C-alpha cells in the first residue's frame, strides 16, 4: 500500500519512490508483481499522474521495475537467484488461482501438499 502526505516536507515523488523501494527491498513486492497503472495509483493516493509516471520511470532506470508496454509495469528480478525465479512463479500461480476463482486458502493448501507439508 502506497500513500502520499501532501503536508510532508518530503516531495510526493520522493515519498512514493521510497515506499516502492522499501517494499521491493523487504520482499513485500516480489519479482513479477504487477504494479497499479499510473492513473489508478495517482487516483488512489491523490497525486498527479505525472508524479507516478516519473516514479515508475525512475524505478525502471534504476533496474527495480520493467514496463511491458500495454501489459503494465512489473517488479523486476535483480539477482537471477533461485529465490527470485520462485517469486516469479509464485506470482504466476497466484494470478492463475485468481483467474480460476480458487480461494487463497485453497491455493495455499495445494502448495503445502506439493511441498510435502501438511496444512
Protein backbone atom coordinates (compact mmCIF):
# COMPACT_ATOMS: atom_id res chain seq x y z
CA UNK A 1 0.00 0.00 0.00
CA UNK A 2 1.49 3.27 -1.15
CA UNK A 3 0.48 6.55 0.49
CA UNK A 4 1.29 10.21 -0.01
CA UNK A 5 1.25 13.01 2.54
CA UNK A 6 0.91 16.43 0.89
CA UNK A 7 1.82 18.15 4.18
CA UNK A 8 5.20 16.39 4.44
CA UNK A 9 8.42 18.28 3.78
CA UNK A 10 9.43 15.36 1.53
CA UNK A 11 8.21 15.71 -2.05
CA UNK A 12 5.35 13.47 -3.19
CA UNK A 13 7.66 11.96 -5.80
CA UNK A 14 10.25 11.03 -3.18
CA UNK A 15 7.64 9.67 -0.76
CA UNK A 16 6.21 7.32 -3.39
CA UNK A 17 9.63 6.30 -4.73
CA UNK A 18 10.93 5.48 -1.24
CA UNK A 19 7.88 3.40 -0.40
CA UNK A 20 8.22 1.33 -3.56
CA UNK A 21 11.94 0.79 -2.89
CA UNK A 22 11.28 -0.25 0.70
CA UNK A 23 8.55 -2.70 -0.35
CA UNK A 24 10.79 -4.19 -3.04
CA UNK A 25 13.79 -4.46 -0.72
CA UNK A 26 11.79 -6.06 2.13
CA UNK A 27 10.15 -8.55 -0.23
CA UNK A 28 6.66 -7.14 0.23
CA UNK A 29 6.70 -6.58 -3.53
CA UNK A 30 8.38 -9.58 -5.13
CA UNK A 31 9.72 -10.15 -8.62
CA UNK A 32 6.88 -10.37 -11.13
CA UNK A 33 4.40 -8.32 -9.08
CA UNK A 34 2.32 -6.12 -11.35
CA UNK A 35 2.12 -2.51 -10.17
CA UNK A 36 -1.06 -0.45 -10.46
CA UNK A 37 -1.46 1.63 -13.59
CA UNK A 38 -0.18 5.18 -13.39
CA UNK A 39 -3.68 6.60 -13.45
CA UNK A 40 -5.07 4.13 -10.88
CA UNK A 41 -2.28 4.75 -8.38
CA UNK A 42 -2.43 8.51 -8.89
CA UNK A 43 -6.15 8.49 -8.14
CA UNK A 44 -5.71 6.16 -5.16
CA UNK A 45 -3.07 8.29 -3.43
CA UNK A 46 -4.31 11.67 -4.72
CA UNK A 47 -1.27 12.78 -6.68
CA UNK A 48 -0.82 13.87 -10.28
CA UNK A 49 -0.38 11.05 -12.80
CA UNK A 50 2.85 12.75 -13.85
CA UNK A 51 4.28 12.10 -10.37
CA UNK A 52 3.53 8.38 -10.53
CA UNK A 53 4.81 8.14 -14.11
CA UNK A 54 8.04 9.84 -13.05
CA UNK A 55 8.43 7.41 -10.12
CA UNK A 56 7.90 4.43 -12.45
CA UNK A 57 10.42 5.81 -14.97
CA UNK A 58 12.99 6.35 -12.21
CA UNK A 59 12.46 2.87 -10.76
CA UNK A 60 12.82 1.43 -14.24
CA UNK A 61 16.01 3.38 -14.95
CA UNK A 62 17.42 2.10 -11.65
CA UNK A 63 16.54 -1.52 -12.56
CA UNK A 64 13.81 -2.14 -9.98
CA UNK A 65 10.84 -2.43 -12.35
CA UNK A 66 10.22 -3.04 -16.01
CA UNK A 67 7.47 -1.69 -18.20
CA UNK A 68 5.97 -4.17 -20.66
CA UNK A 69 4.04 -1.75 -22.83
CA UNK A 70 0.29 -2.16 -22.51
CA UNK A 71 0.77 -5.15 -20.20
CA UNK A 72 1.87 -2.85 -17.39
CA UNK A 73 4.77 -2.29 -15.03
CA UNK A 74 6.24 -5.17 -13.02
CA UNK A 75 8.76 -5.56 -10.22
CA UNK A 76 11.91 -6.78 -11.84
CA UNK A 77 14.10 -9.54 -10.52
CA UNK A 78 17.55 -8.18 -9.81
CA UNK A 79 19.82 -11.06 -8.95
CA UNK A 80 18.80 -14.09 -11.01
CA UNK A 81 18.71 -16.29 -7.91
CA UNK A 82 16.57 -19.37 -7.41
CA UNK A 83 14.55 -17.37 -4.89
CA UNK A 84 13.82 -14.70 -7.49
CA UNK A 85 12.73 -17.31 -10.02
CA UNK A 86 10.43 -18.86 -7.44
CA UNK A 87 8.92 -15.44 -6.70
CA UNK A 88 8.06 -15.02 -10.37
CA UNK A 89 6.48 -18.49 -10.43
CA UNK A 90 4.56 -17.73 -7.23
CA UNK A 91 3.11 -14.63 -8.87
CA UNK A 92 2.09 -16.64 -11.92
CA UNK A 93 0.48 -19.28 -9.68
CA UNK A 94 -1.41 -16.64 -7.69
CA UNK A 95 -2.63 -14.98 -10.87
CA UNK A 96 -3.84 -18.30 -12.26
CA UNK A 97 -5.59 -19.19 -8.98
CA UNK A 98 -7.45 -15.84 -9.06
CA UNK A 99 -8.41 -16.38 -12.71
CA UNK A 100 -9.88 -19.77 -11.80
CA UNK A 101 -11.68 -18.37 -8.77
CA UNK A 102 -9.72 -20.54 -6.32
CA UNK A 103 -9.66 -19.04 -2.79
CA UNK A 104 -6.21 -18.15 -1.46
CA UNK A 105 -6.55 -20.65 1.39
CA UNK A 106 -7.20 -23.49 -1.06
CA UNK A 107 -4.35 -22.41 -3.35
CA UNK A 108 -2.01 -22.38 -0.34
CA UNK A 109 -3.17 -25.87 0.65
CA UNK A 110 -2.21 -27.11 -2.81
CA UNK A 111 1.25 -25.60 -2.44
CA UNK A 112 1.72 -27.12 1.02
CA UNK A 113 0.71 -30.55 -0.33
CA UNK A 114 3.02 -30.18 -3.32
CA UNK A 115 5.89 -29.38 -0.94
CA UNK A 116 5.01 -32.42 1.14
CA UNK A 117 3.81 -30.41 4.12
CA UNK A 118 0.53 -30.98 5.89
CA UNK A 119 -1.73 -27.98 6.25
